Amino acid sequence: MEWKLFADLAEAADGRRVTVEVDGGATVGDALDALLEARPALADRVLDDEGDLRDHINVLRNGENVFTADGLDTELEEGDELALFPPVSGG
């Protein structure tokens, strides 16, 4: 499973793309755990003090925010594209 990372998250992970291994039947949360295990420098940027996903972090599966579905419990399918990025502002 491949994650695409954006902005300061890509800098913290030392790359815009990170491939992680997850078992069949895995969820987005499982893939996120694998990402943070592979790139521990991301943990402080995406998790709060309780270990929960920070409110301002966006998680997408195939271009759609996972929180419009089952959140981190959203089941993955082969070929899914995952993305993680902080909010973007500007004008």
PDB file of N, CA and C in Angstrom:
ATOM      1  N   MET A   1       0.863  -1.162   0.000  1.00  0.00           N
ATOM      2  CA  MET A   1       0.000   0.000   0.000  1.00  0.00           C
ATOM      3  C   MET A   1       0.910   1.225   0.000  1.00  0.00           C
ATOM      4  N   GLU A   2       0.579   2.193  -0.829  1.00  0.00           N
ATOM      5  CA  GLU A   2       1.412   3.393  -0.918  1.00  0.00           C
ATOM      6  C   GLU A   2       0.668   4.610  -0.374  1.00  0.00           C
ATOM      7  N   TRP A   3       1.382   5.356   0.449  1.00  0.00           N
ATOM      8  CA  TRP A   3       0.892   6.639   0.956  1.00  0.00           C
ATOM      9  C   TRP A   3       1.528   7.753   0.148  1.00  0.00           C
ATOM     10  N   LYS A   4       0.746   8.757  -0.164  1.00  0.00           N
ATOM     11  CA  LYS A   4       1.265  10.003  -0.719  1.00  0.00           C
ATOM     12  C   LYS A   4       1.194  11.038   0.399  1.00  0.00           C
ATOM     13  N   LEU A   5       2.297  11.724   0.605  1.00  0.00           N
ATOM     14  CA  LEU A   5       2.392  12.710   1.684  1.00  0.00           C
ATOM     15  C   LEU A   5       2.628  14.087   1.095  1.00  0.00           C
ATOM     16  N   PHE A   6       2.081  15.096   1.766  1.00  0.00           N
ATOM     17  CA  PHE A   6       2.158  16.449   1.243  1.00  0.00           C
ATOM     18  C   PHE A   6       2.689  17.422   2.291  1.00  0.00           C
ATOM     19  N   ALA A   7       3.222  18.536   1.797  1.00  0.00           N
ATOM     20  CA  ALA A   7       3.693  19.663   2.612  1.00  0.00           C
ATOM     21  C   ALA A   7       4.721  19.191   3.644  1.00  0.00           C
ATOM     22  N   ASP A   8       4.589  19.663   4.886  1.00  0.00           N
ATOM     23  CA  ASP A   8       5.583  19.341   5.909  1.00  0.00           C
ATOM     24  C   ASP A   8       5.589  17.861   6.279  1.00  0.00           C
ATOM     25  N   LEU A   9       4.501  17.143   5.980  1.00  0.00           N
ATOM     26  CA  LEU A   9       4.482  15.705   6.259  1.00  0.00           C
ATOM     27  C   LEU A   9       5.466  14.971   5.346  1.00  0.00           C
ATOM     28  N   ALA A  10       5.555  15.391   4.095  1.00  0.00           N
ATOM     29  CA  ALA A  10       6.526  14.797   3.179  1.00  0.00           C
ATOM     30  C   ALA A  10       7.950  15.085   3.644  1.00  0.00           C
ATOM     31  N   GLU A  11       8.162  16.295   4.158  1.00  0.00           N
ATOM     32  CA  GLU A  11       9.495  16.638   4.675  1.00  0.00           C
ATOM     33  C   GLU A  11       9.853  15.774   5.883  1.00  0.00           C
ATOM     34  N   ALA A  12       8.908  15.596   6.795  1.00  0.00           N
ATOM     35  CA  ALA A  12       9.166  14.796   8.001  1.00  0.00           C
ATOM     36  C   ALA A  12       9.421  13.331   7.658  1.00  0.00           C
ATOM     37  N   ALA A  13       8.764  12.843   6.612  1.00  0.00           N
ATOM     38  CA  ALA A  13       8.915  11.447   6.209  1.00  0.00           C
ATOM     39  C   ALA A  13      10.102  11.237   5.279  1.00  0.00           C
ATOM     40  N   ASP A  14      10.748  12.335   4.903  1.00  0.00           N
ATOM     41  CA  ASP A  14      11.890  12.287   3.991  1.00  0.00           C
ATOM     42  C   ASP A  14      11.489  11.709   2.633  1.00  0.00           C
ATOM     43  N   GLY A  15      10.288  12.103   2.186  1.00  0.00           N
ATOM     44  CA  GLY A  15       9.832  11.679   0.869  1.00  0.00           C
ATOM     45  C   GLY A  15       8.335  11.853   0.708  1.00  0.00           C
ATOM     46  N   ARG A  16       7.905  12.013  -0.537  1.00  0.00           N
ATOM     47  CA  ARG A  16       6.480  12.228  -0.819  1.00  0.00           C
ATOM     48  C   ARG A  16       5.698  10.924  -0.917  1.00  0.00           C
ATOM     49  N   ARG A  17       6.385   9.819  -1.094  1.00  0.00           N
ATOM     50  CA  ARG A  17       5.711   8.519  -1.217  1.00  0.00           C
ATOM     51  C   ARG A  17       6.366   7.521  -0.275  1.00  0.00           C
ATOM     52  N   VAL A  18       5.518   6.787   0.439  1.00  0.00           N
ATOM     53  CA  VAL A  18       6.008   5.763   1.353  1.00  0.00           C
ATOM     54  C   VAL A  18       5.157   4.516   1.146  1.00  0.00           C
ATOM     55  N   THR A  19       5.811   3.399   0.880  1.00  0.00           N
ATOM     56  CA  THR A  19       5.120   2.131   0.717  1.00  0.00           C
ATOM     57  C   THR A  19       5.155   1.369   2.036  1.00  0.00           C
ATOM     58  N   VAL A  20       3.992   0.836   2.430  1.00  0.00           N
ATOM     59  CA  VAL A  20       3.898   0.061   3.662  1.00  0.00           C
ATOM     60  C   VAL A  20       3.242  -1.283   3.351  1.00  0.00           C
ATOM     61  N   GLU A  21       3.522  -2.266   4.183  1.00  0.00           N
ATOM     62  CA  GLU A  21       2.917  -3.587   4.046  1.00  0.00           C
ATOM     63  C   GLU A  21       1.759  -3.712   5.019  1.00  0.00           C
ATOM     64  N   VAL A  22       0.600  -4.124   4.504  1.00  0.00           N
ATOM     65  CA  VAL A  22      -0.565  -4.406   5.341  1.00  0.00           C
ATOM     66  C   VAL A  22      -1.170  -5.726   4.886  1.00  0.00           C
ATOM     67  N   ASP A  23      -1.809  -6.419   5.808  1.00  0.00           N
ATOM     68  CA  ASP A  23      -2.444  -7.697   5.502  1.00  0.00           C
ATOM     69  C   ASP A  23      -3.770  -7.486   4.798  1.00  0.00           C
ATOM     70  N   GLY A  24      -4.270  -8.522   4.148  1.00  0.00           N
ATOM     71  CA  GLY A  24      -5.596  -8.475   3.550  1.00  0.00           C
ATOM     72  C   GLY A  24      -6.632  -8.171   4.618  1.00  0.00           C
ATOM     73  N   GLY A  25      -7.632  -7.404   4.275  1.00  0.00           N
ATOM     74  CA  GLY A  25      -8.654  -7.018   5.238  1.00  0.00           C
ATOM     75  C   GLY A  25      -8.246  -5.867   6.134  1.00  0.00           C
ATOM     76  N   ALA A  26      -7.110  -5.249   5.820  1.00  0.00           N
ATOM     77  CA  ALA A  26      -6.615  -4.140   6.632  1.00  0.00           C
ATOM     78  C   ALA A  26      -7.496  -2.906   6.440  1.00  0.00           C
ATOM     79  N   THR A  27      -7.395  -2.021   7.407  1.00  0.00           N
ATOM     80  CA  THR A  27      -8.134  -0.760   7.372  1.00  0.00           C
ATOM     81  C   THR A  27      -7.176   0.403   7.118  1.00  0.00           C
ATOM     82  N   VAL A  28      -7.748   1.562   6.888  1.00  0.00           N
ATOM     83  CA  VAL A  28      -6.938   2.766   6.747  1.00  0.00           C
ATOM     84  C   VAL A  28      -6.126   2.981   8.025  1.00  0.00           C
ATOM     85  N   GLY A  29      -6.721   2.714   9.178  1.00  0.00           N
ATOM     86  CA  GLY A  29      -6.006   2.843  10.449  1.00  0.00           C
ATOM     87  C   GLY A  29      -4.809   1.913  10.527  1.00  0.00           C
ATOM     88  N   ASP A  30      -4.953   0.692  10.024  1.00  0.00           N
ATOM     89  CA  ASP A  30      -3.826  -0.247   9.993  1.00  0.00           C
ATOM     90  C   ASP A  30      -2.704   0.290   9.112  1.00  0.00           C
ATOM     91  N   ALA A  31      -3.081   0.837   7.960  1.00  0.00           N
ATOM     92  CA  ALA A  31      -2.087   1.399   7.046  1.00  0.00           C
ATOM     93  C   ALA A  31      -1.422   2.628   7.659  1.00  0.00           C
ATOM     94  N   LEU A  32      -2.191   3.420   8.410  1.00  0.00           N
ATOM     95  CA  LEU A  32      -1.612   4.577   9.089  1.00  0.00           C
ATOM     96  C   LEU A  32      -0.625   4.126  10.155  1.00  0.00           C
ATOM     97  N   ASP A  33      -0.980   3.101  10.915  1.00  0.00           N
ATOM     98  CA  ASP A  33      -0.057   2.558  11.918  1.00  0.00           C
ATOM     99  C   ASP A  33       1.238   2.088  11.258  1.00  0.00           C
ATOM    100  N   ALA A  34       1.117   1.413  10.119  1.00  0.00           N
ATOM    101  CA  ALA A  34       2.303   0.934   9.400  1.00  0.00           C
ATOM    102  C   ALA A  34       3.148   2.110   8.908  1.00  0.00           C
ATOM    103  N   LEU A  35       2.483   3.171   8.455  1.00  0.00           N
ATOM    104  CA  LEU A  35       3.207   4.366   8.011  1.00  0.00           C
ATOM    105  C   LEU A  35       3.984   4.982   9.170  1.00  0.00           C
ATOM    106  N   LEU A  36       3.342   5.124  10.315  1.00  0.00           N
ATOM    107  CA  LEU A  36       4.004   5.743  11.458  1.00  0.00           C
ATOM    108  C   LEU A  36       5.123   4.861  12.013  1.00  0.00           C
ATOM    109  N   GLU A  37       4.984   3.563  11.860  1.00  0.00           N
ATOM    110  CA  GLU A  37       6.066   2.661  12.267  1.00  0.00           C
ATOM    111  C   GLU A  37       7.261   2.815  11.327  1.00  0.00           C
ATOM    112  N   ALA A  38       6.965   2.965  10.031  1.00  0.00           N
ATOM    113  CA  ALA A  38       8.036   3.117   9.038  1.00  0.00           C
ATOM    114  C   ALA A  38       8.687   4.493   9.090  1.00  0.00           C
ATOM    115  N   ARG A  39       7.903   5.515   9.458  1.00  0.00           N
ATOM    116  CA  ARG A  39       8.392   6.896   9.514  1.00  0.00           C
ATOM    117  C   ARG A  39       7.978   7.522  10.844  1.00  0.00           C
ATOM    118  N   PRO A  40       8.633   7.149  11.945  1.00  0.00           N
ATOM    119  CA  PRO A  40       8.234   7.627  13.273  1.00  0.00           C
ATOM    120  C   PRO A  40       8.264   9.142  13.438  1.00  0.00           C
ATOM    121  N   ALA A  41       9.017   9.850  12.621  1.00  0.00           N
ATOM    122  CA  ALA A  41       9.063  11.307  12.720  1.00  0.00           C
ATOM    123  C   ALA A  41       7.711  11.940  12.410  1.00  0.00           C
ATOM    124  N   LEU A  42       6.829  11.216  11.748  1.00  0.00           N
ATOM    125  CA  LEU A  42       5.500  11.732  11.433  1.00  0.00           C
ATOM    126  C   LEU A  42       4.563  11.739  12.631  1.00  0.00           C
ATOM    127  N   ALA A  43       4.812  10.888  13.598  1.00  0.00           N
ATOM    128  CA  ALA A  43       3.866  10.691  14.701  1.00  0.00           C
ATOM    129  C   ALA A  43       3.498  11.999  15.393  1.00  0.00           C
ATOM    130  N   ASP A  44       4.472  12.819  15.733  1.00  0.00           N
ATOM    131  CA  ASP A  44       4.179  14.079  16.429  1.00  0.00           C
ATOM    132  C   ASP A  44       3.354  15.036  15.582  1.00  0.00           C
ATOM    133  N   ARG A  45       3.463  14.922  14.280  1.00  0.00           N
ATOM    134  CA  ARG A  45       2.708  15.823  13.398  1.00  0.00           C
ATOM    135  C   ARG A  45       1.281  15.360  13.145  1.00  0.00           C
ATOM    136  N   VAL A  46       1.036  14.046  13.232  1.00  0.00           N
ATOM    137  CA  VAL A  46      -0.302  13.555  12.891  1.00  0.00           C
ATOM    138  C   VAL A  46      -1.102  13.049  14.087  1.00  0.00           C
ATOM    139  N   LEU A  47      -0.433  12.761  15.202  1.00  0.00           N
ATOM    140  CA  LEU A  47      -1.134  12.276  16.394  1.00  0.00           C
ATOM    141  C   LEU A  47      -1.063  13.284  17.524  1.00  0.00           C
ATOM    142  N   ASP A  48      -2.143  13.361  18.307  1.00  0.00           N
ATOM    143  CA  ASP A  48      -2.139  14.238  19.472  1.00  0.00           C
ATOM    144  C   ASP A  48      -1.527  13.513  20.668  1.00  0.00           C
ATOM    145  N   ASP A  49      -1.559  14.134  21.832  1.00  0.00           N
ATOM    146  CA  ASP A  49      -0.933  13.560  23.025  1.00  0.00           C
ATOM    147  C   ASP A  49      -1.576  12.252  23.472  1.00  0.00           C
ATOM    148  N   GLU A  50      -2.835  12.027  23.084  1.00  0.00           N
ATOM    149  CA  GLU A  50      -3.532  10.794  23.441  1.00  0.00           C
ATOM    150  C   GLU A  50      -3.343   9.700  22.389  1.00  0.00           C
ATOM    151  N   GLY A  51      -2.625  10.010  21.322  1.00  0.00           N
ATOM    152  CA  GLY A  51      -2.400   9.041  20.268  1.00  0.00           C
ATOM    153  C   GLY A  51      -3.493   9.006  19.217  1.00  0.00           C
ATOM    154  N   ASP A  52      -4.392   9.981  19.249  1.00  0.00           N
ATOM    155  CA  ASP A  52      -5.458  10.070  18.263  1.00  0.00           C
ATOM    156  C   ASP A  52      -5.025  10.982  17.116  1.00  0.00           C
ATOM    157  N   LEU A  53      -5.631  10.775  15.970  1.00  0.00           N
ATOM    158  CA  LEU A  53      -5.340  11.608  14.811  1.00  0.00           C
ATOM    159  C   LEU A  53      -5.706  13.059  15.109  1.00  0.00           C
ATOM    160  N   ARG A  54      -4.797  13.962  14.819  1.00  0.00           N
ATOM    161  CA  ARG A  54      -5.077  15.387  15.032  1.00  0.00           C
ATOM    162  C   ARG A  54      -6.233  15.820  14.140  1.00  0.00           C
ATOM    163  N   ASP A  55      -7.044  16.732  14.651  1.00  0.00           N
ATOM    164  CA  ASP A  55      -8.233  17.190  13.936  1.00  0.00           C
ATOM    165  C   ASP A  55      -7.920  17.801  12.578  1.00  0.00           C
ATOM    166  N   HIS A  56      -6.771  18.436  12.446  1.00  0.00           N
ATOM    167  CA  HIS A  56      -6.465  19.153  11.214  1.00  0.00           C
ATOM    168  C   HIS A  56      -5.802  18.292  10.134  1.00  0.00           C
ATOM    169  N   ILE A  57      -5.579  17.017  10.399  1.00  0.00           N
ATOM    170  CA  ILE A  57      -4.951  16.134   9.418  1.00  0.00           C
ATOM    171  C   ILE A  57      -6.024  15.513   8.525  1.00  0.00           C
ATOM    172  N   ASN A  58      -5.801  15.567   7.238  1.00  0.00           N
ATOM    173  CA  ASN A  58      -6.726  15.001   6.267  1.00  0.00           C
ATOM    174  C   ASN A  58      -6.204  13.655   5.782  1.00  0.00           C
ATOM    175  N   VAL A  59      -7.081  12.654   5.782  1.00  0.00           N
ATOM    176  CA  VAL A  59      -6.737  11.312   5.312  1.00  0.00           C
ATOM    177  C   VAL A  59      -7.684  10.973   4.167  1.00  0.00           C
ATOM    178  N   LEU A  60      -7.104  10.682   3.005  1.00  0.00           N
ATOM    179  CA  LEU A  60      -7.913  10.351   1.835  1.00  0.00           C
ATOM    180  C   LEU A  60      -7.644   8.938   1.349  1.00  0.00           C
ATOM    181  N   ARG A  61      -8.685   8.300   0.911  1.00  0.00           N
ATOM    182  CA  ARG A  61      -8.591   7.004   0.229  1.00  0.00           C
ATOM    183  C   ARG A  61      -9.225   7.194  -1.131  1.00  0.00           C
ATOM    184  N   ASN A  62      -8.435   7.016  -2.167  1.00  0.00           N
ATOM    185  CA  ASN A  62      -8.910   7.197  -3.536  1.00  0.00           C
ATOM    186  C   ASN A  62      -9.536   8.575  -3.746  1.00  0.00           C
ATOM    187  N   GLY A  63      -8.925   9.587  -3.136  1.00  0.00           N
ATOM    188  CA  GLY A  63      -9.350  10.961  -3.333  1.00  0.00           C
ATOM    189  C   GLY A  63     -10.513  11.421  -2.479  1.00  0.00           C
ATOM    190  N   GLU A  64     -11.030  10.554  -1.614  1.00  0.00           N
ATOM    191  CA  GLU A  64     -12.154  10.928  -0.767  1.00  0.00           C
ATOM    192  C   GLU A  64     -11.750  10.873   0.701  1.00  0.00           C
ATOM    193  N   ASN A  65     -12.179  11.871   1.444  1.00  0.00           N
ATOM    194  CA  ASN A  65     -11.888  11.919   2.866  1.00  0.00           C
ATOM    195  C   ASN A  65     -12.496  10.690   3.541  1.00  0.00           C
ATOM    196  N   VAL A  66     -11.681   9.937   4.288  1.00  0.00           N
ATOM    197  CA  VAL A  66     -12.177   8.704   4.907  1.00  0.00           C
ATOM    198  C   VAL A  66     -13.226   8.982   5.972  1.00  0.00           C
ATOM    199  N   PHE A  67     -13.279  10.217   6.465  1.00  0.00           N
ATOM    200  CA  PHE A  67     -14.225  10.529   7.527  1.00  0.00           C
ATOM    201  C   PHE A  67     -15.631  10.797   6.996  1.00  0.00           C
ATOM    202  N   THR A  68     -15.816  10.732   5.675  1.00  0.00           N
ATOM    203  CA  THR A  68     -17.170  10.763   5.121  1.00  0.00           C
ATOM    204  C   THR A  68     -17.732   9.347   5.069  1.00  0.00           C
ATOM    205  N   ALA A  69     -16.896   8.356   5.385  1.00  0.00           N
ATOM    206  CA  ALA A  69     -17.314   6.952   5.407  1.00  0.00           C
ATOM    207  C   ALA A  69     -17.103   6.421   6.824  1.00  0.00           C
ATOM    208  N   ASP A  70     -16.249   5.410   6.958  1.00  0.00           N
ATOM    209  CA  ASP A  70     -16.029   4.755   8.250  1.00  0.00           C
ATOM    210  C   ASP A  70     -14.760   5.230   8.953  1.00  0.00           C
ATOM    211  N   GLY A  71     -14.224   6.365   8.545  1.00  0.00           N
ATOM    212  CA  GLY A  71     -13.029   6.888   9.195  1.00  0.00           C
ATOM    213  C   GLY A  71     -11.851   5.947   9.034  1.00  0.00           C
ATOM    214  N   LEU A  72     -11.075   5.828  10.092  1.00  0.00           N
ATOM    215  CA  LEU A  72      -9.894   4.971  10.045  1.00  0.00           C
ATOM    216  C   LEU A  72     -10.253   3.495   9.992  1.00  0.00           C
ATOM    217  N   ASP A  73     -11.531   3.160  10.222  1.00  0.00           N
ATOM    218  CA  ASP A  73     -12.001   1.772  10.112  1.00  0.00           C
ATOM    219  C   ASP A  73     -12.377   1.401   8.679  1.00  0.00           C
ATOM    220  N   THR A  74     -12.226   2.331   7.746  1.00  0.00           N
ATOM    221  CA  THR A  74     -12.526   2.060   6.343  1.00  0.00           C
ATOM    222  C   THR A  74     -11.621   0.938   5.844  1.00  0.00           C
ATOM    223  N   GLU A  75     -12.225  -0.101   5.290  1.00  0.00           N
ATOM    224  CA  GLU A  75     -11.448  -1.238   4.793  1.00  0.00           C
ATOM    225  C   GLU A  75     -10.773  -0.893   3.468  1.00  0.00           C
ATOM    226  N   LEU A  76      -9.565  -1.401   3.333  1.00  0.00           N
ATOM    227  CA  LEU A  76      -8.779  -1.168   2.125  1.00  0.00           C
ATOM    228  C   LEU A  76      -9.009  -2.270   1.104  1.00  0.00           C
ATOM    229  N   GLU A  77      -8.851  -1.903  -0.146  1.00  0.00           N
ATOM    230  CA  GLU A  77      -8.879  -2.863  -1.237  1.00  0.00           C
ATOM    231  C   GLU A  77      -7.574  -2.717  -2.009  1.00  0.00           C
ATOM    232  N   GLU A  78      -7.175  -3.784  -2.663  1.00  0.00           N
ATOM    233  CA  GLU A  78      -5.940  -3.736  -3.437  1.00  0.00           C
ATOM    234  C   GLU A  78      -6.024  -2.614  -4.463  1.00  0.00           C
ATOM    235  N   GLY A  79      -4.954  -1.857  -4.572  1.00  0.00           N
ATOM    236  CA  GLY A  79      -4.902  -0.765  -5.529  1.00  0.00           C
ATOM    237  C   GLY A  79      -5.380   0.569  -4.992  1.00  0.00           C
ATOM    238  N   ASP A  80      -5.868   0.589  -3.743  1.00  0.00           N
ATOM    239  CA  ASP A  80      -6.291   1.859  -3.158  1.00  0.00           C
ATOM    240  C   ASP A  80      -5.114   2.818  -3.076  1.00  0.00           C
ATOM    241  N   GLU A  81      -5.412   4.089  -3.219  1.00  0.00           N
ATOM    242  CA  GLU A  81      -4.410   5.136  -3.076  1.00  0.00           C
ATOM    243  C   GLU A  81      -4.724   5.917  -1.801  1.00  0.00           C
ATOM    244  N   LEU A  82      -3.747   6.039  -0.935  1.00  0.00           N
ATOM    245  CA  LEU A  82      -3.906   6.754   0.321  1.00  0.00           C
ATOM    246  C   LEU A  82      -3.113   8.053   0.294  1.00  0.00           C
ATOM    247  N   ALA A  83      -3.662   9.078   0.914  1.00  0.00           N
ATOM    248  CA  ALA A  83      -2.970  10.365   0.981  1.00  0.00           C
ATOM    249  C   ALA A  83      -3.163  10.968   2.361  1.00  0.00           C
ATOM    250  N   LEU A  84      -2.147  11.660   2.807  1.00  0.00           N
ATOM    251  CA  LEU A  84      -2.147  12.290   4.122  1.00  0.00           C
ATOM    252  C   LEU A  84      -1.600  13.691   3.961  1.00  0.00           C
ATOM    253  N   PHE A  85      -2.384  14.688   4.434  1.00  0.00           N
ATOM    254  CA  PHE A  85      -1.874  16.042   4.306  1.00  0.00           C
ATOM    255  C   PHE A  85      -2.488  16.964   5.365  1.00  0.00           C
ATOM    256  N   PRO A  86      -1.724  17.999   5.707  1.00  0.00           N
ATOM    257  CA  PRO A  86      -2.217  18.998   6.633  1.00  0.00           C
ATOM    258  C   PRO A  86      -3.153  19.951   5.904  1.00  0.00           C
ATOM    259  N   PRO A  87      -3.879  20.779   6.635  1.00  0.00           N
ATOM    260  CA  PRO A  87      -4.746  21.741   5.958  1.00  0.00           C
ATOM    261  C   PRO A  87      -3.916  22.707   5.128  1.00  0.00           C
ATOM    262  N   VAL A  88      -4.507  23.147   4.054  1.00  0.00           N
ATOM    263  CA  VAL A  88      -3.847  24.095   3.164  1.00  0.00           C
ATOM    264  C   VAL A  88      -4.620  25.400   3.227  1.00  0.00           C
ATOM    265  N   SER A  89      -3.896  26.481   3.398  1.00  0.00           N
ATOM    266  CA  SER A  89      -4.580  27.775   3.423  1.00  0.00           C
ATOM    267  C   SER A  89      -3.839  28.731   2.507  1.00  0.00           C
ATOM    268  N   GLY A  90      -4.467  29.787   2.223  1.00  0.00           N
ATOM    269  CA  GLY A  90      -3.848  30.784   1.355  1.00  0.00           C
ATOM    270  C   GLY A  90      -4.935  31.586   0.660  1.00  0.00           C
ATOM    271  N   GLY A  91      -4.513  32.471  -0.165  1.00  0.00           N
ATOM    272  CA  GLY A  91      -5.542  33.271  -0.797  1.00  0.00           C
ATOM    273  C   GLY A  91      -5.148  33.862  -2.081  1.00  0.00           C
TER     274      GLY A  91
END
